[in-house]
Amino acid sequence: MNIFEYKRQGGKLIGISFNYTKGVFSNVKIYGDFFVFPVEEIDNLEESIDGKSLTELSRIIEDFFSSGIRIYGITAADLKESFKRAINEK
């Protein structure tokens, strides 16, 4: 299990934990100093990332942030950067 925390300058903390085997994510958990309404949508995002590659993850995150769900404290770019850095640090 990889655990990674990222905070861009002036931004909120994003924590992620996941397994990354053969270029595929599993057991994804996303947490931090941000808010998502409705709250259960973060669970849906985690589930949608399971079984996907880093390339697919980028599209999933963009779709999530453009879906009308209210997200406060982070951007799609912040979340994508968290995953990219976590993979590079692995």
N, C-alpha and C. Protein backbone atom coordinates (compact mmCIF):
# COMPACT_ATOMS: atom_id res chain seq x y z
N MET A 1 0.85 -1.18 0.00
CA MET A 1 0.00 0.00 0.00
C MET A 1 0.89 1.23 0.00
N ASN A 2 0.67 2.11 -0.96
CA ASN A 2 1.36 3.39 -1.03
C ASN A 2 0.51 4.44 -0.32
N ILE A 3 1.15 5.26 0.48
CA ILE A 3 0.48 6.39 1.13
C ILE A 3 1.27 7.63 0.78
N PHE A 4 0.57 8.65 0.31
CA PHE A 4 1.25 9.86 -0.14
C PHE A 4 0.39 11.06 0.24
N GLU A 5 1.05 12.12 0.68
CA GLU A 5 0.36 13.37 0.97
C GLU A 5 1.00 14.49 0.16
N TYR A 6 0.15 15.36 -0.35
CA TYR A 6 0.60 16.46 -1.21
C TYR A 6 -0.15 17.73 -0.81
N LYS A 7 0.59 18.82 -0.79
CA LYS A 7 -0.03 20.11 -0.53
C LYS A 7 0.70 21.14 -1.39
N ARG A 8 -0.03 21.66 -2.37
CA ARG A 8 0.60 22.70 -3.18
C ARG A 8 0.70 23.96 -2.33
N GLN A 9 1.61 24.85 -2.68
CA GLN A 9 1.80 26.07 -1.92
C GLN A 9 0.50 26.86 -1.87
N GLY A 10 0.03 27.15 -0.68
CA GLY A 10 -1.20 27.90 -0.49
C GLY A 10 -2.45 27.05 -0.64
N GLY A 11 -2.28 25.75 -0.85
CA GLY A 11 -3.43 24.87 -1.05
C GLY A 11 -3.72 24.00 0.17
N LYS A 12 -4.65 23.11 -0.02
CA LYS A 12 -5.07 22.18 1.03
C LYS A 12 -4.33 20.85 0.88
N LEU A 13 -4.26 20.12 1.99
CA LEU A 13 -3.62 18.82 2.01
C LEU A 13 -4.49 17.79 1.31
N ILE A 14 -3.86 16.98 0.45
CA ILE A 14 -4.52 15.84 -0.18
C ILE A 14 -3.72 14.60 0.22
N GLY A 15 -4.41 13.62 0.77
CA GLY A 15 -3.78 12.35 1.09
C GLY A 15 -4.40 11.27 0.22
N ILE A 16 -3.56 10.37 -0.26
CA ILE A 16 -4.07 9.25 -1.04
C ILE A 16 -3.35 7.99 -0.59
N SER A 17 -4.08 6.90 -0.58
CA SER A 17 -3.46 5.60 -0.37
C SER A 17 -4.01 4.68 -1.45
N PHE A 18 -3.16 3.78 -1.92
CA PHE A 18 -3.55 2.91 -3.03
C PHE A 18 -2.49 1.84 -3.24
N ASN A 19 -2.86 0.84 -3.99
CA ASN A 19 -1.92 -0.12 -4.53
C ASN A 19 -1.76 0.23 -6.00
N TYR A 20 -0.55 0.04 -6.52
CA TYR A 20 -0.28 0.33 -7.93
C TYR A 20 0.60 -0.80 -8.46
N THR A 21 -0.03 -1.71 -9.18
CA THR A 21 0.66 -2.88 -9.69
C THR A 21 0.43 -2.99 -11.19
N LYS A 22 1.53 -3.17 -11.92
CA LYS A 22 1.48 -3.30 -13.38
C LYS A 22 0.72 -2.14 -14.02
N GLY A 23 0.91 -0.94 -13.45
CA GLY A 23 0.31 0.26 -14.03
C GLY A 23 -1.16 0.45 -13.76
N VAL A 24 -1.70 -0.29 -12.77
CA VAL A 24 -3.13 -0.23 -12.47
C VAL A 24 -3.34 0.08 -10.98
N PHE A 25 -4.26 0.98 -10.70
CA PHE A 25 -4.59 1.36 -9.32
C PHE A 25 -5.61 0.41 -8.72
N SER A 26 -5.48 0.17 -7.41
CA SER A 26 -6.51 -0.56 -6.67
C SER A 26 -6.51 -0.08 -5.23
N ASN A 27 -7.60 -0.37 -4.53
CA ASN A 27 -7.76 0.01 -3.11
C ASN A 27 -7.48 1.49 -2.87
N VAL A 28 -8.03 2.35 -3.70
CA VAL A 28 -7.79 3.79 -3.64
C VAL A 28 -8.61 4.44 -2.53
N LYS A 29 -7.96 5.25 -1.73
CA LYS A 29 -8.61 6.09 -0.72
C LYS A 29 -8.07 7.50 -0.87
N ILE A 30 -8.97 8.48 -0.84
CA ILE A 30 -8.60 9.89 -0.99
C ILE A 30 -9.13 10.64 0.22
N TYR A 31 -8.27 11.43 0.85
CA TYR A 31 -8.68 12.16 2.06
C TYR A 31 -7.89 13.47 2.13
N GLY A 32 -8.26 14.33 3.05
CA GLY A 32 -7.49 15.56 3.23
C GLY A 32 -8.31 16.70 3.80
N ASP A 33 -7.77 17.90 3.63
CA ASP A 33 -8.35 19.13 4.18
C ASP A 33 -9.30 19.80 3.21
N PHE A 34 -10.02 19.04 2.45
CA PHE A 34 -10.93 19.58 1.44
C PHE A 34 -12.33 19.02 1.72
N PHE A 35 -13.31 19.56 1.01
CA PHE A 35 -14.70 19.15 1.20
C PHE A 35 -15.33 18.78 -0.14
N VAL A 36 -16.14 17.73 -0.11
CA VAL A 36 -16.88 17.28 -1.28
C VAL A 36 -18.33 17.09 -0.85
N PHE A 37 -19.26 17.68 -1.60
CA PHE A 37 -20.69 17.53 -1.31
C PHE A 37 -21.41 17.05 -2.56
N PRO A 38 -22.18 16.02 -2.49
CA PRO A 38 -22.41 15.17 -1.32
C PRO A 38 -21.17 14.33 -1.00
N VAL A 39 -20.98 14.07 0.28
CA VAL A 39 -19.78 13.41 0.80
C VAL A 39 -19.52 12.06 0.14
N GLU A 40 -20.58 11.30 -0.12
CA GLU A 40 -20.39 9.95 -0.67
C GLU A 40 -19.81 9.95 -2.08
N GLU A 41 -19.77 11.09 -2.72
CA GLU A 41 -19.21 11.15 -4.07
C GLU A 41 -17.71 10.85 -4.08
N ILE A 42 -17.01 11.12 -2.98
CA ILE A 42 -15.59 10.78 -2.94
C ILE A 42 -15.43 9.26 -2.98
N ASP A 43 -16.36 8.52 -2.36
CA ASP A 43 -16.33 7.05 -2.44
C ASP A 43 -16.54 6.59 -3.88
N ASN A 44 -17.44 7.25 -4.58
CA ASN A 44 -17.68 6.91 -5.99
C ASN A 44 -16.45 7.18 -6.84
N LEU A 45 -15.75 8.28 -6.55
CA LEU A 45 -14.52 8.58 -7.27
C LEU A 45 -13.48 7.50 -7.02
N GLU A 46 -13.29 7.12 -5.76
CA GLU A 46 -12.33 6.08 -5.43
C GLU A 46 -12.64 4.79 -6.18
N GLU A 47 -13.89 4.40 -6.19
CA GLU A 47 -14.30 3.17 -6.88
C GLU A 47 -14.07 3.27 -8.38
N SER A 48 -14.29 4.45 -8.95
CA SER A 48 -14.12 4.60 -10.40
C SER A 48 -12.65 4.56 -10.80
N ILE A 49 -11.73 4.84 -9.88
CA ILE A 49 -10.30 4.80 -10.16
C ILE A 49 -9.77 3.37 -10.07
N ASP A 50 -10.36 2.54 -9.22
CA ASP A 50 -9.92 1.15 -9.07
C ASP A 50 -9.90 0.44 -10.42
N GLY A 51 -8.79 -0.21 -10.72
CA GLY A 51 -8.67 -0.97 -11.95
C GLY A 51 -8.25 -0.14 -13.16
N LYS A 52 -7.93 1.14 -12.93
CA LYS A 52 -7.60 2.04 -14.04
C LYS A 52 -6.11 2.40 -14.03
N SER A 53 -5.63 2.85 -15.18
CA SER A 53 -4.25 3.30 -15.34
C SER A 53 -4.14 4.80 -15.01
N LEU A 54 -2.91 5.30 -14.97
CA LEU A 54 -2.69 6.72 -14.72
C LEU A 54 -3.33 7.57 -15.82
N THR A 55 -3.26 7.13 -17.05
CA THR A 55 -3.87 7.87 -18.17
C THR A 55 -5.38 7.94 -17.99
N GLU A 56 -6.00 6.84 -17.64
CA GLU A 56 -7.45 6.81 -17.42
C GLU A 56 -7.83 7.64 -16.21
N LEU A 57 -6.98 7.65 -15.19
CA LEU A 57 -7.24 8.40 -13.96
C LEU A 57 -7.41 9.89 -14.26
N SER A 58 -6.61 10.42 -15.16
CA SER A 58 -6.70 11.84 -15.50
C SER A 58 -8.09 12.19 -16.03
N ARG A 59 -8.62 11.37 -16.92
CA ARG A 59 -9.97 11.62 -17.47
C ARG A 59 -11.03 11.48 -16.39
N ILE A 60 -10.89 10.48 -15.54
CA ILE A 60 -11.87 10.25 -14.46
C ILE A 60 -11.91 11.46 -13.53
N ILE A 61 -10.76 11.99 -13.17
CA ILE A 61 -10.70 13.15 -12.29
C ILE A 61 -11.31 14.38 -12.97
N GLU A 62 -10.99 14.60 -14.24
CA GLU A 62 -11.59 15.73 -14.97
C GLU A 62 -13.11 15.60 -15.01
N ASP A 63 -13.60 14.41 -15.30
CA ASP A 63 -15.06 14.19 -15.33
C ASP A 63 -15.68 14.46 -13.97
N PHE A 64 -15.02 14.01 -12.91
CA PHE A 64 -15.51 14.20 -11.56
C PHE A 64 -15.65 15.69 -11.23
N PHE A 65 -14.61 16.46 -11.55
CA PHE A 65 -14.62 17.89 -11.22
C PHE A 65 -15.55 18.70 -12.10
N SER A 66 -15.91 18.19 -13.26
CA SER A 66 -16.83 18.92 -14.14
C SER A 66 -18.27 18.40 -14.05
N SER A 67 -18.53 17.51 -13.10
CA SER A 67 -19.85 16.87 -13.01
C SER A 67 -20.89 17.66 -12.24
N GLY A 68 -20.50 18.77 -11.63
CA GLY A 68 -21.46 19.53 -10.85
C GLY A 68 -21.40 19.24 -9.37
N ILE A 69 -20.57 18.27 -8.97
CA ILE A 69 -20.35 17.99 -7.55
C ILE A 69 -19.61 19.19 -6.96
N ARG A 70 -19.99 19.58 -5.76
CA ARG A 70 -19.33 20.72 -5.12
C ARG A 70 -18.06 20.25 -4.42
N ILE A 71 -16.93 20.86 -4.81
CA ILE A 71 -15.62 20.50 -4.26
C ILE A 71 -14.95 21.80 -3.83
N TYR A 72 -14.52 21.83 -2.57
CA TYR A 72 -13.90 23.04 -2.02
C TYR A 72 -12.51 22.71 -1.50
N GLY A 73 -11.54 23.49 -1.90
CA GLY A 73 -10.20 23.39 -1.34
C GLY A 73 -9.16 22.75 -2.25
N ILE A 74 -9.58 22.01 -3.28
CA ILE A 74 -8.64 21.42 -4.22
C ILE A 74 -9.19 21.53 -5.64
N THR A 75 -8.30 21.37 -6.58
CA THR A 75 -8.68 21.38 -7.99
C THR A 75 -8.39 20.01 -8.60
N ALA A 76 -8.89 19.81 -9.80
CA ALA A 76 -8.58 18.57 -10.53
C ALA A 76 -7.07 18.45 -10.71
N ALA A 77 -6.41 19.56 -11.04
CA ALA A 77 -4.96 19.55 -11.23
C ALA A 77 -4.23 19.12 -9.96
N ASP A 78 -4.71 19.59 -8.80
CA ASP A 78 -4.10 19.20 -7.52
C ASP A 78 -4.18 17.69 -7.32
N LEU A 79 -5.35 17.13 -7.57
CA LEU A 79 -5.54 15.70 -7.34
C LEU A 79 -4.72 14.87 -8.33
N LYS A 80 -4.71 15.28 -9.59
CA LYS A 80 -3.90 14.56 -10.59
C LYS A 80 -2.41 14.63 -10.22
N GLU A 81 -1.96 15.78 -9.79
CA GLU A 81 -0.56 15.96 -9.40
C GLU A 81 -0.21 15.06 -8.21
N SER A 82 -1.14 14.90 -7.28
CA SER A 82 -0.92 14.02 -6.13
C SER A 82 -0.64 12.60 -6.58
N PHE A 83 -1.46 12.10 -7.49
CA PHE A 83 -1.26 10.73 -7.98
C PHE A 83 0.05 10.61 -8.77
N LYS A 84 0.35 11.59 -9.61
CA LYS A 84 1.59 11.53 -10.39
C LYS A 84 2.81 11.52 -9.49
N ARG A 85 2.82 12.38 -8.49
CA ARG A 85 3.95 12.42 -7.57
C ARG A 85 4.06 11.13 -6.76
N ALA A 86 2.93 10.60 -6.36
CA ALA A 86 2.93 9.35 -5.58
C ALA A 86 3.54 8.21 -6.39
N ILE A 87 3.20 8.15 -7.68
CA ILE A 87 3.74 7.10 -8.55
C ILE A 87 5.24 7.28 -8.73
N ASN A 88 5.67 8.50 -8.93
CA ASN A 88 7.11 8.77 -9.14
C ASN A 88 7.93 8.52 -7.89
N GLU A 89 7.32 8.68 -6.73
CA GLU A 89 8.03 8.49 -5.46
C GLU A 89 8.08 7.02 -5.07
N LYS A 90 7.23 6.23 -5.65
CA LYS A 90 7.11 4.80 -5.30
C LYS A 90 8.40 4.05 -5.51
